[in-house]
Amino acid sequence: MVKQARVLSSEAAKFVGEKILLKGWVRIRRDHGKLIFLDIRDRGGIIQVVVNPKVSEKAYKQALELKPEYVVSIIGKVNKRPENAVNKDIVSGTVELEATDIEILAKADVLPFDMGSEELNLELPTLLDHRALTLRHPKIQAIFKVQAVIIDAFREFFKKEGFFEFQAPSIAPAVAEGGAEVFQVDYFGHKAYLSQSPQLYKQIVMSAFERVFSVNKIFRAEPSVTTRHLAEVVSLDAEMGFIESWIEVKDMADAVVRFILERVEKECKYELKLHNATLPKIIAKTPVLSLKEAQEKIFKHSGRDVRGGKDLNPEDEREICSLIKEETGSDFVFVYGYPTKNKPFYVYPNPEEPEYNEGMDLLCRGIEWLSGGRRINDYNQLTKHVKEWNLDPKKISMFLEAFRYGVPPEGGFAFGAERMTMQMLELRNVREASMFPRDMERVDERLSNLK
């Protein structure tokens, strides 16, 4: 074949009337009379290729061998499509490639299901059992293109705001948030844990760099198979020093959400359309409620008496989001002021009501997106809490050392990237928003299949 530079499907319209080299996968092959039509997929998108024996008998014979997911190299002329054949749903929809030469680079076995349809009508377990194949479907790829923009926008926002990026370790000597729902590992004969959160490390790094953020994998051994929980997630964390109150933390969280939504809206129009998804509505001023106010609102609306509860359960979160949406049009609501004893030891108690803290959650469409708030920065108060929460100070000695030598008033928060993706694309299950989900039933394969 002629040696020349490869052109992506998304760039083909720039070469009308010229011959180009295209490489990709056969998504669909359609035979119409003496013509063969191919949909070829590459990283730029999808382009239609026409194989006409009158143009190239050689290419036609080669095309007869092609099957879905064959990897091919095609040389052909870029032609404008007739006006009535323009496909506005794809980037290359104004042109098609008239093949003159086709080379098979790799063959594929018979597929276990149809990959050429717009929808992958598969049950979730089957979708995940064949993840190596289903990741090739445009609608599945769209999920992770949106997620990549979310993470990229998170990074861009905080770099612009003067935050320093770092990577926290995934193996920790102690549990940052208390509780038994952690994965214990044998660390050269010693007990260690997969990190629930980079929380303690980001506070240490904040004490040196003032404003920090990280994109980390975190691990939760929650015995849960709900549509909103995973054992391994991507956590988008930020921490900032020299704050006056938790309100500054809330405002920073609000600002990054707005920035991420703007970026996704601008850069992911095609992906959102593929999923027929509408981004969550964020109004000029995001509603803010105390936990007590949220519980009172639920009681007045439905008669369910959750007043005095330690937290909002999933039903409460759905109801309060629904009420706020109805009242204000906002899909988002901040809830703050949780019982101090029911949150991690480092969360700052409200000076006027010490039994409640200055922690907050951001809810969206009935699910928690973010958790954060102000942290304790006083060394003596922190060590007192360590004792009250029955933690071993020796196992968090590095963390406590930072506060022993002076830490400014500070706070921060963390998002779950998968939940954000799920909500933006209105997916039914958070596992759809994880490229390789881990839960009680799966580590790549279903655990039941590994016995």
Foldseek 3Di string as FASTA:
>chain_A
DDDDDADELLCLVVQAQDKHKYKAWFQDWDDDPQKIWTWGQDPQGTAIEIEHVVQAVQQSVVVVPDDGGFIKMFIFHKHADPPVQADPLHSNRRIHTYTHDMDGPGHDDDDPDRLNDLDDPDDPQVCLLPLVPNCPRPLLVLLVVLLVLLVVLLVVVVVVVVAAEDEADQKALDAQWDDDFWAWDCDVNDTITGYQDSVLVQQLVCLVRQKYWYWYKGATNDQDDDQEDFGIFTKTKIKGFDDPFQVVQVVSVVVSVVSSVVSCVVPSPSNLVSLVFDFFDADPDAAEEEPQRLQVVCCVPPVDRCHPPQDQDLVSLQVSQVVCCVVPVGQKYKYAWGQCLVTGLFFAADPVGRRTGQKIFMGGNRHTFKIKTWTDLALVSSVVSCVVSVHDCVSSVSSSVSSVVDGGGMMMMMGTSLVSSCNRSVPRGSVSSDSQTHHPQDRSHGVVVVD
